[in-house]
Amino acid sequence: MSEDRRQGLSVTCPVHPENDRIQRVSVVYAADAPRLLRPGPVLKSAGRLAWAGTGCGVAGAIALWIGALLGKGAAGPALIAALVCFGYALAMYGWAGARRARVMIIQRGMPGALAVWGSAWYCDECDGVFFDSPVAPDADVAEGEVITPAAFHRVVWKAGRYGGIPGRLVG
């Protein structure tokens, strides 16, 4: 790194002050997208699950209709097929509802998590993350303390109030 850029960079690593390979966590994430530097869980839409539930419900209705058209011999198997389809439809709707609730939790916590995530710096030499300004009061990280990417991941998740173990909501 040139001497001009070094003078423009006012942040130094607490462990390696001579290191000039320091970047914002957001820049490292944008370049490499490491999982532990992610600002929040991956958001997945519930739309496909809801449509799958609707499809299963329609298939059950069609099975009932076909059973009624064909008569007595087909009514029993058609009823069983319809019940299975309706069961899958209810399961898909339940899964979609749980996913929507999870998305709402993540969206509510994202501003707090992004505030902590945006104030972090990454030192390439120590493979650690540190903050140059005070972090959220409940973060349990002192200003200038270098923490591992895994510990940083937990701090961001705690600030976002995502709850649980950091890997749980990624699905």
N, C-alpha and C. Protein backbone atom coordinates (compact mmCIF):
# COMPACT_ATOMS: atom_id res chain seq x y z
N MET A 1 0.85 -1.17 0.00
CA MET A 1 0.00 0.00 0.00
C MET A 1 0.89 1.23 0.00
N SER A 2 0.49 2.22 -0.72
CA SER A 2 1.33 3.41 -0.81
C SER A 2 1.28 4.21 0.49
N GLU A 3 2.27 5.06 0.65
CA GLU A 3 2.35 5.88 1.86
C GLU A 3 1.19 6.87 1.93
N ASP A 4 0.71 7.34 0.77
CA ASP A 4 -0.42 8.27 0.76
C ASP A 4 -1.69 7.60 1.29
N ARG A 5 -1.92 6.36 0.86
CA ARG A 5 -3.12 5.65 1.33
C ARG A 5 -3.00 5.34 2.81
N ARG A 6 -1.81 5.00 3.27
CA ARG A 6 -1.60 4.69 4.68
C ARG A 6 -1.92 5.92 5.54
N GLN A 7 -1.56 7.11 5.06
CA GLN A 7 -1.86 8.32 5.81
C GLN A 7 -3.36 8.59 5.83
N GLY A 8 -4.08 8.21 4.77
CA GLY A 8 -5.52 8.42 4.72
C GLY A 8 -6.27 7.45 5.62
N LEU A 9 -5.67 6.30 5.92
CA LEU A 9 -6.31 5.30 6.76
C LEU A 9 -5.95 5.59 8.21
N SER A 10 -6.89 6.10 8.96
CA SER A 10 -6.60 6.49 10.34
C SER A 10 -6.83 5.36 11.33
N VAL A 11 -7.32 4.23 10.88
CA VAL A 11 -7.60 3.10 11.76
C VAL A 11 -6.45 2.11 11.66
N THR A 12 -5.99 1.65 12.81
CA THR A 12 -4.94 0.62 12.82
C THR A 12 -5.40 -0.53 13.69
N CYS A 13 -4.88 -1.69 13.38
CA CYS A 13 -5.19 -2.88 14.15
C CYS A 13 -4.55 -2.76 15.54
N PRO A 14 -5.27 -3.07 16.60
CA PRO A 14 -4.69 -2.99 17.94
C PRO A 14 -3.53 -3.97 18.15
N VAL A 15 -3.53 -5.09 17.43
CA VAL A 15 -2.47 -6.08 17.59
C VAL A 15 -1.31 -5.81 16.63
N HIS A 16 -1.62 -5.40 15.42
CA HIS A 16 -0.61 -5.15 14.37
C HIS A 16 -0.73 -3.71 13.87
N PRO A 17 -0.23 -2.72 14.60
CA PRO A 17 -0.39 -1.33 14.16
C PRO A 17 0.31 -1.01 12.85
N GLU A 18 1.32 -1.80 12.49
CA GLU A 18 2.05 -1.54 11.25
C GLU A 18 1.37 -2.17 10.03
N ASN A 19 0.36 -2.98 10.24
CA ASN A 19 -0.34 -3.66 9.16
C ASN A 19 -1.17 -2.66 8.36
N ASP A 20 -1.01 -2.68 7.04
CA ASP A 20 -1.79 -1.77 6.20
C ASP A 20 -2.90 -2.50 5.46
N ARG A 21 -3.13 -3.77 5.77
CA ARG A 21 -4.19 -4.55 5.11
C ARG A 21 -5.42 -4.61 6.03
N ILE A 22 -5.97 -3.44 6.30
CA ILE A 22 -7.16 -3.34 7.14
C ILE A 22 -8.29 -2.80 6.27
N GLN A 23 -9.43 -3.46 6.36
CA GLN A 23 -10.59 -3.05 5.57
C GLN A 23 -11.84 -3.12 6.42
N ARG A 24 -12.83 -2.39 6.02
CA ARG A 24 -14.13 -2.51 6.67
C ARG A 24 -14.66 -3.92 6.44
N VAL A 25 -15.39 -4.44 7.39
CA VAL A 25 -15.97 -5.77 7.25
C VAL A 25 -16.90 -5.80 6.04
N SER A 26 -17.61 -4.72 5.79
CA SER A 26 -18.52 -4.68 4.65
C SER A 26 -17.78 -4.84 3.33
N VAL A 27 -16.57 -4.30 3.23
CA VAL A 27 -15.78 -4.42 2.01
C VAL A 27 -15.29 -5.85 1.83
N VAL A 28 -14.83 -6.46 2.92
CA VAL A 28 -14.37 -7.86 2.85
C VAL A 28 -15.54 -8.76 2.49
N TYR A 29 -16.70 -8.51 3.08
CA TYR A 29 -17.88 -9.33 2.77
C TYR A 29 -18.30 -9.17 1.31
N ALA A 30 -18.26 -7.95 0.81
CA ALA A 30 -18.64 -7.71 -0.59
C ALA A 30 -17.68 -8.39 -1.56
N ALA A 31 -16.40 -8.48 -1.19
CA ALA A 31 -15.41 -9.08 -2.08
C ALA A 31 -15.42 -10.61 -2.00
N ASP A 32 -15.48 -11.16 -0.78
CA ASP A 32 -15.33 -12.61 -0.61
C ASP A 32 -16.59 -13.31 -0.12
N ALA A 33 -17.51 -12.60 0.52
CA ALA A 33 -18.73 -13.14 1.11
C ALA A 33 -18.48 -14.29 2.06
N PRO A 34 -17.57 -14.14 3.04
CA PRO A 34 -17.40 -15.21 4.01
C PRO A 34 -18.62 -15.31 4.92
N ARG A 35 -19.01 -16.52 5.25
CA ARG A 35 -20.23 -16.76 6.02
C ARG A 35 -20.19 -16.10 7.39
N LEU A 36 -19.05 -16.09 8.06
CA LEU A 36 -18.97 -15.54 9.41
C LEU A 36 -19.01 -14.02 9.44
N LEU A 37 -18.85 -13.37 8.31
CA LEU A 37 -18.92 -11.92 8.27
C LEU A 37 -20.27 -11.43 7.71
N ARG A 38 -21.21 -12.34 7.59
CA ARG A 38 -22.54 -12.01 7.08
C ARG A 38 -23.30 -11.16 8.11
N PRO A 39 -24.01 -10.10 7.67
CA PRO A 39 -24.70 -9.24 8.64
C PRO A 39 -25.98 -9.85 9.21
N GLY A 40 -26.47 -10.90 8.64
CA GLY A 40 -27.69 -11.53 9.14
C GLY A 40 -27.94 -12.84 8.45
N PRO A 41 -28.97 -13.54 8.88
CA PRO A 41 -29.31 -14.81 8.25
C PRO A 41 -29.79 -14.61 6.81
N VAL A 42 -29.71 -15.67 6.05
CA VAL A 42 -30.19 -15.64 4.68
C VAL A 42 -31.71 -15.62 4.72
N LEU A 43 -32.31 -14.68 4.02
CA LEU A 43 -33.76 -14.58 3.97
C LEU A 43 -34.30 -15.40 2.80
N LYS A 44 -35.21 -16.29 3.09
CA LYS A 44 -35.85 -17.07 2.04
C LYS A 44 -37.34 -16.77 2.05
N SER A 45 -37.88 -16.57 0.89
CA SER A 45 -39.29 -16.23 0.76
C SER A 45 -40.16 -17.44 1.08
N ALA A 46 -41.35 -17.16 1.56
CA ALA A 46 -42.31 -18.22 1.85
C ALA A 46 -43.29 -18.42 0.71
N GLY A 47 -43.15 -17.65 -0.35
CA GLY A 47 -44.10 -17.70 -1.46
C GLY A 47 -44.19 -19.05 -2.14
N ARG A 48 -43.05 -19.69 -2.39
CA ARG A 48 -43.08 -20.99 -3.06
C ARG A 48 -43.75 -22.05 -2.20
N LEU A 49 -43.52 -21.98 -0.90
CA LEU A 49 -44.16 -22.95 -0.02
C LEU A 49 -45.67 -22.76 -0.02
N ALA A 50 -46.11 -21.51 0.00
CA ALA A 50 -47.55 -21.24 -0.03
C ALA A 50 -48.17 -21.73 -1.35
N TRP A 51 -47.46 -21.50 -2.46
CA TRP A 51 -47.98 -21.97 -3.74
C TRP A 51 -47.99 -23.50 -3.81
N ALA A 52 -46.99 -24.13 -3.21
CA ALA A 52 -46.98 -25.60 -3.17
C ALA A 52 -48.16 -26.12 -2.35
N GLY A 53 -48.46 -25.44 -1.25
CA GLY A 53 -49.63 -25.82 -0.45
C GLY A 53 -50.92 -25.66 -1.23
N THR A 54 -51.01 -24.58 -1.98
CA THR A 54 -52.20 -24.35 -2.81
C THR A 54 -52.32 -25.44 -3.87
N GLY A 55 -51.19 -25.80 -4.47
CA GLY A 55 -51.19 -26.86 -5.48
C GLY A 55 -51.64 -28.19 -4.90
N CYS A 56 -51.17 -28.50 -3.69
CA CYS A 56 -51.59 -29.75 -3.05
C CYS A 56 -53.08 -29.72 -2.73
N GLY A 57 -53.58 -28.58 -2.29
CA GLY A 57 -55.02 -28.47 -2.00
C GLY A 57 -55.86 -28.64 -3.26
N VAL A 58 -55.41 -28.04 -4.35
CA VAL A 58 -56.14 -28.18 -5.62
C VAL A 58 -56.08 -29.63 -6.09
N ALA A 59 -54.94 -30.29 -5.93
CA ALA A 59 -54.83 -31.70 -6.32
C ALA A 59 -55.79 -32.56 -5.49
N GLY A 60 -55.93 -32.24 -4.21
CA GLY A 60 -56.88 -32.97 -3.37
C GLY A 60 -58.31 -32.76 -3.83
N ALA A 61 -58.65 -31.53 -4.19
CA ALA A 61 -60.00 -31.25 -4.68
C ALA A 61 -60.26 -31.98 -5.99
N ILE A 62 -59.26 -32.03 -6.86
CA ILE A 62 -59.41 -32.75 -8.13
C ILE A 62 -59.58 -34.24 -7.88
N ALA A 63 -58.84 -34.78 -6.92
CA ALA A 63 -58.98 -36.20 -6.59
C ALA A 63 -60.39 -36.50 -6.10
N LEU A 64 -60.95 -35.65 -5.26
CA LEU A 64 -62.33 -35.85 -4.81
C LEU A 64 -63.32 -35.78 -5.97
N TRP A 65 -63.10 -34.82 -6.86
CA TRP A 65 -63.99 -34.64 -7.99
C TRP A 65 -63.94 -35.86 -8.92
N ILE A 66 -62.72 -36.35 -9.20
CA ILE A 66 -62.58 -37.52 -10.07
C ILE A 66 -63.20 -38.74 -9.41
N GLY A 67 -63.02 -38.91 -8.11
CA GLY A 67 -63.62 -40.04 -7.40
C GLY A 67 -65.14 -40.01 -7.47
N ALA A 68 -65.71 -38.81 -7.38
CA ALA A 68 -67.16 -38.69 -7.47
C ALA A 68 -67.66 -38.98 -8.88
N LEU A 69 -66.88 -38.59 -9.88
CA LEU A 69 -67.28 -38.84 -11.28
C LEU A 69 -67.22 -40.32 -11.64
N LEU A 70 -66.20 -41.02 -11.13
CA LEU A 70 -66.01 -42.41 -11.51
C LEU A 70 -66.96 -43.36 -10.78
N GLY A 71 -67.43 -42.98 -9.64
CA GLY A 71 -68.41 -43.82 -8.96
C GLY A 71 -67.86 -44.50 -7.72
N LYS A 72 -68.60 -45.56 -7.31
CA LYS A 72 -68.35 -46.20 -6.03
C LYS A 72 -66.96 -46.82 -5.90
N GLY A 73 -66.47 -47.48 -6.89
CA GLY A 73 -65.18 -48.18 -6.80
C GLY A 73 -64.00 -47.24 -6.63
N ALA A 74 -64.11 -46.03 -7.12
CA ALA A 74 -63.00 -45.08 -7.06
C ALA A 74 -63.14 -44.09 -5.92
N ALA A 75 -64.26 -44.11 -5.23
CA ALA A 75 -64.50 -43.11 -4.18
C ALA A 75 -63.53 -43.29 -3.01
N GLY A 76 -63.29 -44.53 -2.59
CA GLY A 76 -62.39 -44.78 -1.45
C GLY A 76 -60.95 -44.35 -1.73
N PRO A 77 -60.33 -44.82 -2.82
CA PRO A 77 -58.97 -44.39 -3.13
C PRO A 77 -58.86 -42.88 -3.40
N ALA A 78 -59.89 -42.31 -4.01
CA ALA A 78 -59.87 -40.86 -4.27
C ALA A 78 -59.92 -40.09 -2.96
N LEU A 79 -60.71 -40.58 -2.00
CA LEU A 79 -60.79 -39.92 -0.70
C LEU A 79 -59.44 -40.00 0.02
N ILE A 80 -58.78 -41.13 -0.05
CA ILE A 80 -57.45 -41.29 0.58
C ILE A 80 -56.45 -40.34 -0.08
N ALA A 81 -56.46 -40.30 -1.42
CA ALA A 81 -55.54 -39.41 -2.14
C ALA A 81 -55.82 -37.95 -1.78
N ALA A 82 -57.09 -37.59 -1.68
CA ALA A 82 -57.45 -36.21 -1.33
C ALA A 82 -57.00 -35.87 0.08
N LEU A 83 -57.17 -36.79 1.02
CA LEU A 83 -56.74 -36.53 2.40
C LEU A 83 -55.22 -36.36 2.48
N VAL A 84 -54.48 -37.16 1.73
CA VAL A 84 -53.03 -37.01 1.70
C VAL A 84 -52.65 -35.65 1.12
N CYS A 85 -53.30 -35.25 0.05
CA CYS A 85 -53.01 -33.94 -0.57
C CYS A 85 -53.35 -32.80 0.39
N PHE A 86 -54.50 -32.91 1.08
CA PHE A 86 -54.87 -31.87 2.03
C PHE A 86 -53.89 -31.82 3.21
N GLY A 87 -53.41 -32.98 3.63
CA GLY A 87 -52.40 -33.01 4.71
C GLY A 87 -51.12 -32.31 4.29
N TYR A 88 -50.67 -32.58 3.07
CA TYR A 88 -49.48 -31.90 2.57
C TYR A 88 -49.73 -30.40 2.42
N ALA A 89 -50.93 -30.02 2.00
CA ALA A 89 -51.25 -28.60 1.87
C ALA A 89 -51.15 -27.90 3.22
N LEU A 90 -51.72 -28.52 4.26
CA LEU A 90 -51.64 -27.93 5.60
C LEU A 90 -50.19 -27.84 6.08
N ALA A 91 -49.40 -28.87 5.80
CA ALA A 91 -47.98 -28.86 6.20
C ALA A 91 -47.23 -27.73 5.48
N MET A 92 -47.49 -27.56 4.21
CA MET A 92 -46.83 -26.49 3.45
C MET A 92 -47.23 -25.11 3.96
N TYR A 93 -48.51 -24.93 4.27
CA TYR A 93 -48.95 -23.64 4.82
C TYR A 93 -48.32 -23.38 6.18
N GLY A 94 -48.21 -24.40 7.01
CA GLY A 94 -47.56 -24.24 8.31
C GLY A 94 -46.10 -23.86 8.16
N TRP A 95 -45.42 -24.52 7.24
CA TRP A 95 -44.00 -24.24 7.00
C TRP A 95 -43.83 -22.81 6.47
N ALA A 96 -44.74 -22.40 5.57
CA ALA A 96 -44.67 -21.04 5.04
C ALA A 96 -44.92 -20.02 6.14
N GLY A 97 -45.86 -20.30 7.03
CA GLY A 97 -46.12 -19.38 8.14
C GLY A 97 -44.93 -19.25 9.06
N ALA A 98 -44.26 -20.36 9.35
CA ALA A 98 -43.06 -20.31 10.20
C ALA A 98 -41.95 -19.52 9.52
N ARG A 99 -41.80 -19.70 8.22
CA ARG A 99 -40.77 -18.96 7.49
C ARG A 99 -41.08 -17.47 7.47
N ARG A 100 -42.34 -17.11 7.31
CA ARG A 100 -42.72 -15.69 7.33
C ARG A 100 -42.43 -15.07 8.70
N ALA A 101 -42.71 -15.82 9.76
CA ALA A 101 -42.42 -15.31 11.10
C ALA A 101 -40.92 -15.10 11.29
N ARG A 102 -40.12 -16.03 10.77
CA ARG A 102 -38.67 -15.92 10.87
C ARG A 102 -38.17 -14.70 10.09
N VAL A 103 -38.73 -14.45 8.93
CA VAL A 103 -38.34 -13.29 8.13
C VAL A 103 -38.67 -11.99 8.87
N MET A 104 -39.80 -11.96 9.55
CA MET A 104 -40.18 -10.76 10.30
C MET A 104 -39.21 -10.51 11.46
N ILE A 105 -38.78 -11.57 12.15
CA ILE A 105 -37.81 -11.42 13.24
C ILE A 105 -36.50 -10.86 12.69
N ILE A 106 -36.07 -11.38 11.57
CA ILE A 106 -34.81 -10.93 10.96
C ILE A 106 -34.92 -9.48 10.51
N GLN A 107 -36.03 -9.12 9.88
CA GLN A 107 -36.19 -7.75 9.40
C GLN A 107 -36.25 -6.75 10.55
N ARG A 108 -36.87 -7.12 11.67
CA ARG A 108 -36.92 -6.22 12.82
C ARG A 108 -35.54 -6.01 13.42
N GLY A 109 -34.69 -7.03 13.41
CA GLY A 109 -33.38 -6.92 14.02
C GLY A 109 -32.29 -6.39 13.11
N MET A 110 -32.56 -6.31 11.83
CA MET A 110 -31.53 -5.93 10.87
C MET A 110 -30.91 -4.55 11.13
N PRO A 111 -31.67 -3.51 11.49
CA PRO A 111 -31.02 -2.21 11.74
C PRO A 111 -29.98 -2.25 12.86
N GLY A 112 -30.27 -2.95 13.94
CA GLY A 112 -29.30 -3.06 15.04
C GLY A 112 -28.07 -3.85 14.62
N ALA A 113 -28.29 -4.93 13.89
CA ALA A 113 -27.18 -5.74 13.43
C ALA A 113 -26.32 -4.98 12.43
N LEU A 114 -26.94 -4.24 11.53
CA LEU A 114 -26.18 -3.49 10.54
C LEU A 114 -25.38 -2.35 11.17
N ALA A 115 -25.89 -1.78 12.25
CA ALA A 115 -25.14 -0.73 12.93
C ALA A 115 -23.84 -1.28 13.51
N VAL A 116 -23.90 -2.45 14.11
CA VAL A 116 -22.69 -3.07 14.66
C VAL A 116 -21.80 -3.55 13.51
N TRP A 117 -22.38 -4.18 12.53
CA TRP A 117 -21.64 -4.74 11.40
C TRP A 117 -20.91 -3.64 10.63
N GLY A 118 -21.57 -2.49 10.45
CA GLY A 118 -20.97 -1.41 9.68
C GLY A 118 -19.83 -0.69 10.38
N SER A 119 -19.74 -0.83 11.70
CA SER A 119 -18.67 -0.14 12.42
C SER A 119 -17.45 -1.03 12.66
N ALA A 120 -17.43 -2.21 12.07
CA ALA A 120 -16.35 -3.16 12.31
C ALA A 120 -15.28 -3.09 11.22
N TRP A 121 -14.05 -3.41 11.66
CA TRP A 121 -12.90 -3.46 10.76
C TRP A 121 -12.31 -4.86 10.80
N TYR A 122 -11.73 -5.27 9.66
CA TYR A 122 -11.13 -6.59 9.55
C TYR A 122 -9.63 -6.44 9.31
N CYS A 123 -8.83 -7.14 10.12
CA CYS A 123 -7.38 -7.17 9.95
C CYS A 123 -7.01 -8.47 9.26
N ASP A 124 -6.40 -8.36 8.11
CA ASP A 124 -6.04 -9.54 7.33
C ASP A 124 -4.93 -10.34 8.00
N GLU A 125 -4.05 -9.66 8.70
CA GLU A 125 -2.92 -10.36 9.32
C GLU A 125 -3.37 -11.23 10.50
N CYS A 126 -4.24 -10.69 11.36
CA CYS A 126 -4.70 -11.49 12.51
C CYS A 126 -5.93 -12.31 12.20
N ASP A 127 -6.53 -12.08 11.04
CA ASP A 127 -7.80 -12.71 10.71
C ASP A 127 -8.79 -12.44 11.83
N GLY A 128 -8.83 -11.18 12.24
CA GLY A 128 -9.69 -10.77 13.34
C GLY A 128 -10.47 -9.52 13.00
N VAL A 129 -11.46 -9.26 13.83
CA VAL A 129 -12.34 -8.11 13.65
C VAL A 129 -12.22 -7.24 14.89
N PHE A 130 -12.23 -5.92 14.69
CA PHE A 130 -12.20 -4.99 15.82
C PHE A 130 -13.05 -3.78 15.48
N PHE A 131 -13.35 -3.00 16.52
CA PHE A 131 -14.17 -1.80 16.36
C PHE A 131 -13.33 -0.60 16.73
N ASP A 132 -13.46 0.48 15.96
CA ASP A 132 -12.72 1.70 16.27
C ASP A 132 -13.56 2.69 17.06
N SER A 133 -14.82 2.35 17.28
CA SER A 133 -15.70 3.20 18.06
C SER A 133 -16.49 2.31 19.01
N PRO A 134 -17.10 2.88 20.02
CA PRO A 134 -17.86 2.04 20.96
C PRO A 134 -18.95 1.25 20.25
N VAL A 135 -19.09 0.02 20.66
CA VAL A 135 -20.08 -0.88 20.07
C VAL A 135 -21.35 -0.80 20.92
N ALA A 136 -22.36 -1.51 20.54
CA ALA A 136 -23.60 -1.56 21.32
C ALA A 136 -23.28 -1.99 22.75
N PRO A 137 -23.99 -1.44 23.73
CA PRO A 137 -23.66 -1.71 25.13
C PRO A 137 -23.74 -3.18 25.52
N ASP A 138 -24.60 -3.95 24.90
CA ASP A 138 -24.72 -5.36 25.27
C ASP A 138 -23.85 -6.28 24.41
N ALA A 139 -22.89 -5.71 23.69
CA ALA A 139 -22.07 -6.51 22.77
C ALA A 139 -20.94 -7.27 23.46
N ASP A 140 -20.55 -6.89 24.66
CA ASP A 140 -19.48 -7.55 25.40
C ASP A 140 -18.15 -7.50 24.66
N VAL A 141 -17.90 -6.44 23.91
CA VAL A 141 -16.64 -6.26 23.19
C VAL A 141 -16.13 -4.87 23.52
N ALA A 142 -14.90 -4.82 23.97
CA ALA A 142 -14.29 -3.53 24.29
C ALA A 142 -13.79 -2.86 23.01
N GLU A 143 -13.76 -1.56 23.02
CA GLU A 143 -13.25 -0.81 21.87
C GLU A 143 -11.78 -1.16 21.70
N GLY A 144 -11.39 -1.54 20.49
CA GLY A 144 -10.00 -1.88 20.21
C GLY A 144 -9.66 -3.34 20.46
N GLU A 145 -10.60 -4.14 20.94
CA GLU A 145 -10.35 -5.56 21.18
C GLU A 145 -10.51 -6.33 19.87
N VAL A 146 -9.56 -7.19 19.55
CA VAL A 146 -9.63 -7.99 18.33
C VAL A 146 -10.33 -9.31 18.67
N ILE A 147 -11.38 -9.61 17.92
CA ILE A 147 -12.12 -10.85 18.14
C ILE A 147 -12.11 -11.69 16.87
N THR A 148 -12.38 -12.96 17.02
CA THR A 148 -12.41 -13.86 15.87
C THR A 148 -13.65 -13.58 15.03
N PRO A 149 -13.63 -13.99 13.76
CA PRO A 149 -14.84 -13.83 12.95
C PRO A 149 -16.06 -14.55 13.56
N ALA A 150 -15.84 -15.70 14.20
CA ALA A 150 -16.96 -16.41 14.83
C ALA A 150 -17.54 -15.60 15.99
N ALA A 151 -16.68 -15.00 16.80
CA ALA A 151 -17.16 -14.16 17.90
C ALA A 151 -17.87 -12.92 17.34
N PHE A 152 -17.35 -12.37 16.26
CA PHE A 152 -17.99 -11.22 15.61
C PHE A 152 -19.38 -11.61 15.12
N HIS A 153 -19.48 -12.78 14.55
CA HIS A 153 -20.77 -13.31 14.08
C HIS A 153 -21.79 -13.33 15.23
N ARG A 154 -21.36 -13.81 16.39
CA ARG A 154 -22.25 -13.86 17.56
C ARG A 154 -22.63 -12.45 18.02
N VAL A 155 -21.68 -11.50 17.99
CA VAL A 155 -21.96 -10.12 18.41
C VAL A 155 -23.01 -9.49 17.48
N VAL A 156 -22.86 -9.71 16.19
CA VAL A 156 -23.82 -9.15 15.22
C VAL A 156 -25.20 -9.77 15.43
N TRP A 157 -25.25 -11.08 15.63
CA TRP A 157 -26.53 -11.75 15.83
C TRP A 157 -27.19 -11.30 17.14
N LYS A 158 -26.38 -11.06 18.15
CA LYS A 158 -26.92 -10.59 19.41
C LYS A 158 -27.49 -9.17 19.25
N ALA A 159 -26.79 -8.33 18.51
CA ALA A 159 -27.27 -6.97 18.26
C ALA A 159 -28.55 -6.98 17.44
N GLY A 160 -28.67 -7.94 16.53
CA GLY A 160 -29.89 -8.06 15.72
C GLY A 160 -31.02 -8.75 16.43
N ARG A 161 -30.74 -9.32 17.59
CA ARG A 161 -31.74 -10.06 18.37
C ARG A 161 -32.40 -11.15 17.54
N TYR A 162 -31.57 -11.85 16.77
CA TYR A 162 -32.10 -12.93 15.95
C TYR A 162 -32.44 -14.15 16.79
N GLY A 163 -31.80 -14.27 17.93
CA GLY A 163 -32.10 -15.36 18.85
C GLY A 163 -31.44 -16.66 18.46
N GLY A 164 -31.23 -17.47 19.46
CA GLY A 164 -30.69 -18.80 19.23
C GLY A 164 -29.23 -18.80 18.83
N ILE A 165 -28.79 -19.94 18.41
CA ILE A 165 -27.43 -20.16 17.95
C ILE A 165 -27.30 -19.57 16.55
N PRO A 166 -26.18 -18.90 16.22
CA PRO A 166 -26.07 -18.24 14.92
C PRO A 166 -26.40 -19.08 13.70
N GLY A 167 -26.21 -20.36 13.71
CA GLY A 167 -26.50 -21.17 12.52
C GLY A 167 -27.94 -21.56 12.38
N ARG A 168 -28.76 -21.37 13.38
CA ARG A 168 -30.12 -21.88 13.39
C ARG A 168 -31.04 -21.25 12.35
N LEU A 169 -30.98 -19.95 12.16
CA LEU A 169 -31.92 -19.29 11.28
C LEU A 169 -31.47 -19.21 9.84
N VAL A 170 -30.38 -19.84 9.50
CA VAL A 170 -29.82 -19.71 8.16
C VAL A 170 -30.65 -20.50 7.15
N GLY A 171 -31.40 -21.47 7.55
CA GLY A 171 -32.14 -22.34 6.64
C GLY A 171 -33.21 -21.77 5.89
